[in-house]
Amino acid sequence: MSFSFIKHETNIDFIGLRKYAFALSALMLLIGAVSLVMKGGPRYGIDFAGGVILQTKFNAPTDIDKVKKALEGTNLPGLVVQQMGKATENEFLVRTSTMDESSANIQTTATKALDEGMGGVKYDFKRIEMVGPKVGENLRGKAMEAMYFAILIIAIYISGRFEHRWMAAGLMAAGLFGGITALQYFHAPQVWLVFGALLITLGLCFFLRLNYALGAIVALIHDVLITVGLFSIMNKEFDLTIIAALLTLIGFSLNDTIIVYDRIRETRSLKTGDTLPVIINKSVNQTLSRTIMTSGLAFLAVFSLFLFGGAVIHDFALAMLIGIVVGTYSSIYVAAPIISSLAVPEVDAPAPAKGKTRTKTA
């Protein structure tokens, strides 16, 4: 016997609310876009922008605020101090985005500031690492490639799995390869290659009527962009840890979407005579309890990580929390309604029994 705290027979009109949901999503995306434009794009961390990392361990109990205050006078650009592990370990990560000085000069500056501001507390630099701007640029491109290819493979899988159109999915992949080749011929930057590939994928899904794949892709892009926009509004840094969180939430959101899609396919196969919007509403309502239970438990687990995981993993957990909420919302109000909005109206009506004719009633 399965546990369900929401009745299986609920009849919430999710499709009827889709216009309001689309408007809400558009508003959230617009606010995030305005924030990104005003700030000149995402605030990249050292992984992407380049800079120096100093991993420092103190030999006595040390408060992070005291370390920050000691380093404030250095005027190092983009200075960030994070506590590593438990507070009792007295280990900190000092980051600065400066590229004008060598790592040796940065170490000398930090040493002088800590000697003067820490009251004689002994410490050691366990790691000194410098990331150049070229490396950061390559990492940005590779990170975007990882997210794009994850979405592309998902589109191909969903087209075959739910629409049984592997040939169309193959044509989409071939068209994408041709588009990317053309962009490379004109020496487009790597970032623009990824954006171009994404637009080509969306266009091909729409042209080939791969509605399930298009719904899933739009929902995933929706989740990523809203998370990025909220991080920009909160002035959070983007580094490889956040990319890992975005890839994780792509998988989480997709899993929820596939559950809803699977129920839509099962309900359509019953040939109940219901229209597609009615079938989608029934499917979303029937999976609502599972969706909320899965997302709720995941949210609680990540929230514990957010509270007790320490400063190093804090932003990762925050991105996951946002992604879980937005991903659950998009599975219900974005991915499924898009199928209804793009599909040709149809009725899956059962065939009439032999020997009987349908009569038209007034």
Protein backbone atom coordinates (compact mmCIF):
# COMPACT_ATOMS: atom_id res chain seq x y z
CA MET A 1 0.00 0.00 0.00
CA SER A 2 1.47 3.35 -1.03
CA PHE A 3 1.38 6.41 1.16
CA SER A 4 -0.48 9.42 -0.23
CA PHE A 5 -1.45 12.53 1.73
CA ILE A 6 -3.20 14.10 -1.29
CA LYS A 7 -6.29 12.35 -2.59
CA HIS A 8 -5.83 10.55 -5.90
CA GLU A 9 -9.11 12.07 -7.15
CA THR A 10 -8.09 15.73 -6.80
CA ASN A 11 -9.20 17.84 -9.76
CA ILE A 12 -7.15 21.05 -9.74
CA ASP A 13 -7.35 22.78 -13.12
CA PHE A 14 -3.63 23.23 -13.76
CA ILE A 15 -4.13 23.73 -17.49
CA GLY A 16 -6.70 26.45 -16.81
CA LEU A 17 -4.12 28.25 -14.66
CA ARG A 18 -1.32 28.00 -17.21
CA LYS A 19 -1.65 31.60 -18.44
CA TYR A 20 -1.14 32.91 -14.91
CA ALA A 21 1.78 30.50 -14.42
CA PHE A 22 3.38 31.60 -17.70
CA ALA A 23 2.97 35.24 -16.66
CA LEU A 24 4.59 34.54 -13.28
CA SER A 25 7.49 32.73 -14.95
CA ALA A 26 7.94 35.58 -17.44
CA LEU A 27 8.01 38.09 -14.58
CA MET A 28 10.65 36.10 -12.64
CA LEU A 29 12.77 35.72 -15.78
CA LEU A 30 12.47 39.43 -16.55
CA ILE A 31 13.52 40.47 -13.03
CA GLY A 32 16.53 38.14 -13.21
CA ALA A 33 17.47 39.45 -16.67
CA VAL A 34 17.27 43.07 -15.50
CA SER A 35 19.53 42.25 -12.55
CA LEU A 36 22.08 40.56 -14.84
CA VAL A 37 22.07 43.49 -17.28
CA MET A 38 22.46 46.07 -14.51
CA LYS A 39 25.40 44.17 -13.01
CA GLY A 40 27.07 43.47 -16.35
CA GLY A 41 26.41 39.74 -16.23
CA PRO A 42 26.91 37.08 -13.56
CA ARG A 43 29.38 37.74 -10.77
CA TYR A 44 32.00 35.13 -11.62
CA GLY A 45 34.08 33.54 -8.89
CA ILE A 46 37.77 32.80 -9.14
CA ASP A 47 37.12 29.55 -11.03
CA PHE A 48 35.77 31.57 -13.97
CA ALA A 49 37.22 35.07 -13.56
CA GLY A 50 40.68 34.09 -12.37
CA GLY A 51 42.43 35.05 -9.14
CA VAL A 52 44.29 33.63 -6.13
CA ILE A 53 43.17 31.22 -3.41
CA LEU A 54 44.92 30.98 -0.04
CA GLN A 55 43.97 28.09 2.25
CA THR A 56 44.93 29.17 5.77
CA LYS A 57 44.93 27.14 9.01
CA PHE A 58 45.28 28.79 12.42
CA ASN A 59 46.80 27.04 15.45
CA ALA A 60 44.25 28.51 17.91
CA PRO A 61 40.47 29.11 17.92
CA THR A 62 39.80 31.89 15.43
CA ASP A 63 36.62 33.73 14.49
CA ILE A 64 35.93 34.29 10.80
CA ASP A 65 34.89 37.91 11.39
CA LYS A 66 38.29 38.61 12.94
CA VAL A 67 40.03 37.16 9.85
CA LYS A 68 37.86 39.30 7.55
CA LYS A 69 38.61 42.43 9.57
CA ALA A 70 42.35 41.73 9.49
CA LEU A 71 42.32 41.41 5.68
CA GLU A 72 40.07 44.40 4.97
CA GLY A 73 43.01 46.79 4.94
CA THR A 74 44.70 44.93 2.08
CA ASN A 75 42.14 46.34 -0.40
CA LEU A 76 42.42 43.15 -2.45
CA PRO A 77 39.65 43.15 -5.12
CA GLY A 78 36.85 40.59 -4.77
CA LEU A 79 38.09 39.49 -1.34
CA VAL A 80 36.08 36.56 0.08
CA VAL A 81 36.82 34.68 3.32
CA GLN A 82 35.10 31.32 3.90
CA GLN A 83 35.34 28.89 6.79
CA MET A 84 36.26 25.35 5.82
CA GLY A 85 34.84 22.40 7.69
CA LYS A 86 33.85 22.78 11.34
CA ALA A 87 34.50 25.95 13.30
CA THR A 88 36.82 24.00 15.63
CA GLU A 89 39.19 23.23 12.74
CA ASN A 90 40.16 26.94 12.40
CA GLU A 91 40.69 26.62 8.66
CA PHE A 92 39.74 29.34 6.17
CA LEU A 93 39.71 29.90 2.42
CA VAL A 94 40.82 33.38 1.33
CA ARG A 95 39.92 34.31 -2.26
CA THR A 96 40.79 37.40 -4.28
CA SER A 97 40.03 38.08 -7.94
CA THR A 98 43.11 40.24 -8.60
CA MET A 99 45.24 39.31 -11.61
CA ASP A 100 47.65 42.25 -11.40
CA GLU A 101 49.98 40.62 -8.87
CA SER A 102 51.66 37.25 -8.54
CA SER A 103 50.56 34.67 -5.98
CA ALA A 104 53.80 35.35 -4.05
CA ASN A 105 52.94 39.04 -3.71
CA ILE A 106 49.39 38.21 -2.63
CA GLN A 107 50.78 35.84 0.01
CA THR A 108 53.12 38.56 1.27
CA THR A 109 50.27 41.08 1.50
CA ALA A 110 48.00 38.61 3.32
CA THR A 111 50.81 37.58 5.70
CA LYS A 112 51.50 41.18 6.70
CA ALA A 113 47.79 41.86 7.32
CA LEU A 114 47.27 38.67 9.37
CA ASP A 115 50.42 39.26 11.43
CA GLU A 116 49.19 42.73 12.36
CA GLY A 117 45.51 41.92 12.83
CA MET A 118 45.43 38.48 14.47
CA GLY A 119 47.21 39.36 17.70
CA GLY A 120 50.10 36.94 17.28
CA VAL A 121 48.01 33.81 16.53
CA LYS A 122 50.16 31.36 14.56
CA TYR A 123 48.97 30.12 11.15
CA ASP A 124 50.15 28.32 8.04
CA PHE A 125 49.23 28.57 4.35
CA LYS A 126 48.32 25.00 3.38
CA ARG A 127 47.56 25.82 -0.25
CA ILE A 128 48.23 28.71 -2.61
CA GLU A 129 46.55 28.46 -5.99
CA MET A 130 46.32 30.88 -8.89
CA VAL A 131 43.77 30.62 -11.73
CA GLY A 132 44.59 32.62 -14.86
CA PRO A 133 41.93 34.48 -16.89
CA LYS A 134 42.38 32.15 -19.88
CA VAL A 135 41.79 29.11 -17.71
CA GLY A 136 38.72 30.79 -16.23
CA GLU A 137 37.36 31.53 -19.71
CA ASN A 138 37.86 27.92 -20.78
CA LEU A 139 36.15 26.68 -17.62
CA ARG A 140 33.14 28.94 -18.34
CA GLY A 141 32.83 27.51 -21.82
CA LYS A 142 33.19 23.91 -20.66
CA ALA A 143 30.61 24.48 -17.92
CA MET A 144 28.07 25.82 -20.41
CA GLU A 145 28.84 22.95 -22.78
CA ALA A 146 28.15 20.46 -20.00
CA MET A 147 24.73 21.98 -19.30
CA TYR A 148 23.87 22.21 -22.99
CA PHE A 149 24.78 18.60 -23.83
CA ALA A 150 22.85 17.40 -20.79
CA ILE A 151 19.76 19.19 -22.16
CA LEU A 152 20.36 17.91 -25.74
CA ILE A 153 20.63 14.25 -24.69
CA ILE A 154 17.50 14.70 -22.57
CA ALA A 155 15.62 16.05 -25.63
CA ILE A 156 16.65 13.06 -27.76
CA TYR A 157 15.70 10.59 -25.02
CA ILE A 158 12.27 12.12 -24.37
CA SER A 159 11.46 12.28 -28.11
CA GLY A 160 12.05 8.56 -28.43
CA ARG A 161 10.70 7.51 -25.05
CA PHE A 162 7.37 9.35 -25.06
CA GLU A 163 6.70 10.13 -28.72
CA HIS A 164 8.42 7.09 -30.29
CA ARG A 165 10.05 9.38 -32.84
CA TRP A 166 13.69 8.35 -32.80
CA MET A 167 14.04 9.32 -36.47
CA ALA A 168 12.88 12.87 -35.76
CA ALA A 169 15.23 13.01 -32.79
CA GLY A 170 18.06 11.90 -35.09
CA LEU A 171 17.14 14.64 -37.58
CA MET A 172 17.22 17.15 -34.75
CA ALA A 173 20.73 16.02 -33.76
CA ALA A 174 21.88 16.16 -37.42
CA GLY A 175 20.41 19.65 -37.89
CA LEU A 176 22.11 20.77 -34.73
CA PHE A 177 25.46 19.43 -35.94
CA GLY A 178 25.05 21.39 -39.19
CA GLY A 179 24.17 24.57 -37.31
CA ILE A 180 27.13 24.25 -34.96
CA THR A 181 29.46 23.63 -37.91
CA ALA A 182 28.21 26.82 -39.55
CA LEU A 183 28.75 28.84 -36.35
CA GLN A 184 32.26 27.42 -36.00
CA TYR A 185 32.99 28.40 -39.62
CA PHE A 186 32.35 32.03 -38.67
CA HIS A 187 34.61 31.63 -35.60
CA ALA A 188 31.84 32.37 -33.10
CA PRO A 189 33.01 32.50 -29.45
CA GLN A 190 32.46 29.37 -27.41
CA VAL A 191 29.73 30.93 -25.28
CA TRP A 192 27.81 32.03 -28.39
CA LEU A 193 28.20 28.54 -29.83
CA VAL A 194 26.37 27.14 -26.82
CA PHE A 195 23.58 29.74 -26.98
CA GLY A 196 23.27 29.21 -30.72
CA ALA A 197 23.07 25.45 -30.28
CA LEU A 198 20.36 25.88 -27.68
CA LEU A 199 18.27 28.10 -29.97
CA ILE A 200 18.72 25.66 -32.86
CA THR A 201 17.58 22.79 -30.63
CA LEU A 202 14.45 24.67 -29.55
CA GLY A 203 13.68 25.64 -33.15
CA LEU A 204 14.09 22.07 -34.44
CA CYS A 205 11.91 20.66 -31.64
CA PHE A 206 9.19 23.16 -32.58
CA PHE A 207 9.51 22.52 -36.33
CA LEU A 208 9.50 18.73 -35.95
CA ARG A 209 6.60 18.88 -33.46
CA LEU A 210 8.59 17.18 -30.70
CA ASN A 211 6.26 18.67 -28.11
CA TYR A 212 7.28 16.50 -25.16
CA ALA A 213 10.96 17.26 -25.72
CA LEU A 214 10.23 20.95 -26.23
CA GLY A 215 8.23 21.10 -23.00
CA ALA A 216 11.03 19.44 -21.04
CA ILE A 217 13.74 21.66 -22.56
CA VAL A 218 11.82 24.88 -21.93
CA ALA A 219 11.17 23.77 -18.33
CA LEU A 220 14.87 23.04 -17.75
CA ILE A 221 16.01 26.33 -19.28
CA HIS A 222 13.34 28.05 -17.18
CA ASP A 223 14.74 26.44 -13.99
CA VAL A 224 18.36 27.33 -14.77
CA LEU A 225 17.65 30.94 -15.78
CA ILE A 226 15.50 31.66 -12.73
CA THR A 227 18.16 30.20 -10.42
CA VAL A 228 20.87 32.25 -12.15
CA GLY A 229 18.68 35.37 -11.94
CA LEU A 230 18.03 34.91 -8.22
CA PHE A 231 21.76 34.41 -7.60
CA SER A 232 22.40 37.67 -9.45
CA ILE A 233 19.78 39.48 -7.36
CA MET A 234 21.41 38.14 -4.16
CA ASN A 235 24.87 39.11 -5.54
CA LYS A 236 26.17 35.55 -5.21
CA GLU A 237 29.26 34.33 -7.04
CA PHE A 238 29.15 31.77 -9.85
CA ASP A 239 31.84 29.12 -9.70
CA LEU A 240 32.22 25.42 -10.50
CA THR A 241 30.28 24.52 -7.35
CA ILE A 242 27.23 26.39 -8.66
CA ILE A 243 27.56 24.68 -12.05
CA ALA A 244 27.51 21.34 -10.23
CA ALA A 245 24.32 22.47 -8.45
CA LEU A 246 22.72 23.53 -11.76
CA LEU A 247 23.51 20.18 -13.37
CA THR A 248 22.08 18.41 -10.34
CA LEU A 249 18.85 20.40 -10.41
CA ILE A 250 18.53 19.70 -14.16
CA GLY A 251 18.49 16.00 -13.30
CA PHE A 252 16.07 16.52 -10.42
CA SER A 253 13.64 18.61 -12.47
CA LEU A 254 13.80 16.15 -15.36
CA ASN A 255 12.99 13.22 -13.09
CA ASP A 256 9.84 15.00 -11.87
CA THR A 257 8.86 15.94 -15.43
CA ILE A 258 9.28 12.36 -16.65
CA ILE A 259 6.96 11.09 -13.89
CA VAL A 260 4.24 13.47 -15.10
CA TYR A 261 4.91 12.63 -18.78
CA ASP A 262 4.73 8.92 -18.05
CA ARG A 263 1.32 9.28 -16.43
CA ILE A 264 0.10 11.38 -19.39
CA ARG A 265 1.17 8.61 -21.76
CA GLU A 266 -0.52 5.92 -19.65
CA THR A 267 -3.75 7.92 -19.38
CA ARG A 268 -3.85 8.60 -23.14
CA SER A 269 -3.39 4.90 -23.87
CA LEU A 270 -6.63 4.13 -21.97
CA LYS A 271 -8.65 5.84 -24.75
CA THR A 272 -11.12 7.36 -22.32
CA GLY A 273 -12.44 9.88 -24.83
CA ASP A 274 -11.06 12.84 -22.88
CA THR A 275 -9.39 15.76 -24.61
CA LEU A 276 -5.65 16.25 -24.16
CA PRO A 277 -6.00 19.15 -21.63
CA VAL A 278 -8.28 16.95 -19.50
CA ILE A 279 -5.82 14.05 -19.72
CA ILE A 280 -2.93 16.30 -18.68
CA ASN A 281 -4.94 17.67 -15.75
CA LYS A 282 -5.80 14.16 -14.58
CA SER A 283 -2.18 13.04 -14.89
CA VAL A 284 -0.75 15.99 -12.96
CA ASN A 285 -3.37 15.56 -10.23
CA GLN A 286 -2.69 11.82 -9.95
CA THR A 287 1.06 12.37 -9.55
CA LEU A 288 0.73 15.44 -7.32
CA SER A 289 1.20 13.55 -4.05
CA ARG A 290 4.35 11.82 -5.32
CA THR A 291 5.71 15.09 -6.70
CA ILE A 292 5.25 16.99 -3.44
CA MET A 293 6.57 14.11 -1.29
CA THR A 294 9.70 13.67 -3.43
CA SER A 295 10.42 17.39 -3.63
CA GLY A 296 9.60 17.97 0.04
CA LEU A 297 11.97 15.27 1.28
CA ALA A 298 14.73 16.46 -1.05
CA PHE A 299 14.17 20.03 0.14
CA LEU A 300 14.49 18.98 3.80
CA ALA A 301 17.72 17.08 3.11
CA VAL A 302 19.30 20.00 1.21
CA PHE A 303 18.03 22.49 3.80
CA SER A 304 19.93 20.55 6.48
CA LEU A 305 23.01 20.82 4.26
CA PHE A 306 22.35 24.55 3.90
CA LEU A 307 22.16 25.05 7.68
CA PHE A 308 24.93 22.75 8.88
CA GLY A 309 27.16 22.11 5.85
CA GLY A 310 29.49 25.06 6.41
CA ALA A 311 30.33 28.11 4.32
CA VAL A 312 32.12 26.21 1.55
CA ILE A 313 29.00 24.29 0.54
CA HIS A 314 26.51 27.03 1.49
CA ASP A 315 26.00 28.43 -2.04
CA PHE A 316 25.71 24.95 -3.56
CA ALA A 317 22.93 24.11 -1.11
CA LEU A 318 21.23 27.47 -1.75
CA ALA A 319 21.21 26.85 -5.51
CA MET A 320 19.76 23.39 -4.91
CA LEU A 321 17.02 24.76 -2.64
CA ILE A 322 16.00 27.28 -5.28
CA GLY A 323 16.20 24.63 -7.99
CA ILE A 324 14.02 22.13 -6.12
CA VAL A 325 11.23 24.68 -5.64
CA VAL A 326 11.44 26.06 -9.19
CA GLY A 327 11.87 22.58 -10.71
CA THR A 328 8.75 21.27 -8.98
CA TYR A 329 6.81 24.33 -10.14
CA SER A 330 8.01 23.96 -13.74
CA SER A 331 7.11 20.25 -13.95
CA ILE A 332 3.51 21.12 -13.10
CA TYR A 333 3.02 24.56 -14.63
CA VAL A 334 5.52 24.70 -17.52
CA ALA A 335 6.47 21.30 -18.98
CA ALA A 336 2.99 19.73 -19.01
CA PRO A 337 0.98 22.81 -20.12
CA ILE A 338 3.35 23.38 -23.06
CA ILE A 339 2.27 20.01 -24.50
CA SER A 340 -1.34 21.18 -24.37
CA SER A 341 -0.52 24.61 -25.81
CA LEU A 342 1.39 23.22 -28.82
CA ALA A 343 -0.63 20.10 -29.57
CA VAL A 344 -3.35 19.94 -32.20
CA PRO A 345 -6.70 19.59 -30.38
CA GLU A 346 -7.78 15.97 -30.39
CA VAL A 347 -10.07 13.54 -28.65
CA ASP A 348 -8.92 10.05 -27.75
CA ALA A 349 -12.37 8.59 -28.20
CA PRO A 350 -13.06 4.85 -28.01
CA ALA A 351 -14.28 3.15 -31.16
CA PRO A 352 -18.04 2.46 -31.22
CA ALA A 353 -19.14 -1.10 -30.53
CA LYS A 354 -20.19 -3.30 -33.47
CA GLY A 355 -23.85 -3.19 -34.33
CA LYS A 356 -24.34 0.15 -32.65
CA THR A 357 -24.41 3.63 -34.09
CA ARG A 358 -23.91 6.90 -32.37
CA THR A 359 -26.95 9.07 -32.18
CA LYS A 360 -26.81 12.79 -32.15
CA THR A 361 -28.56 14.34 -29.19
CA ALA A 362 -30.02 17.77 -29.11
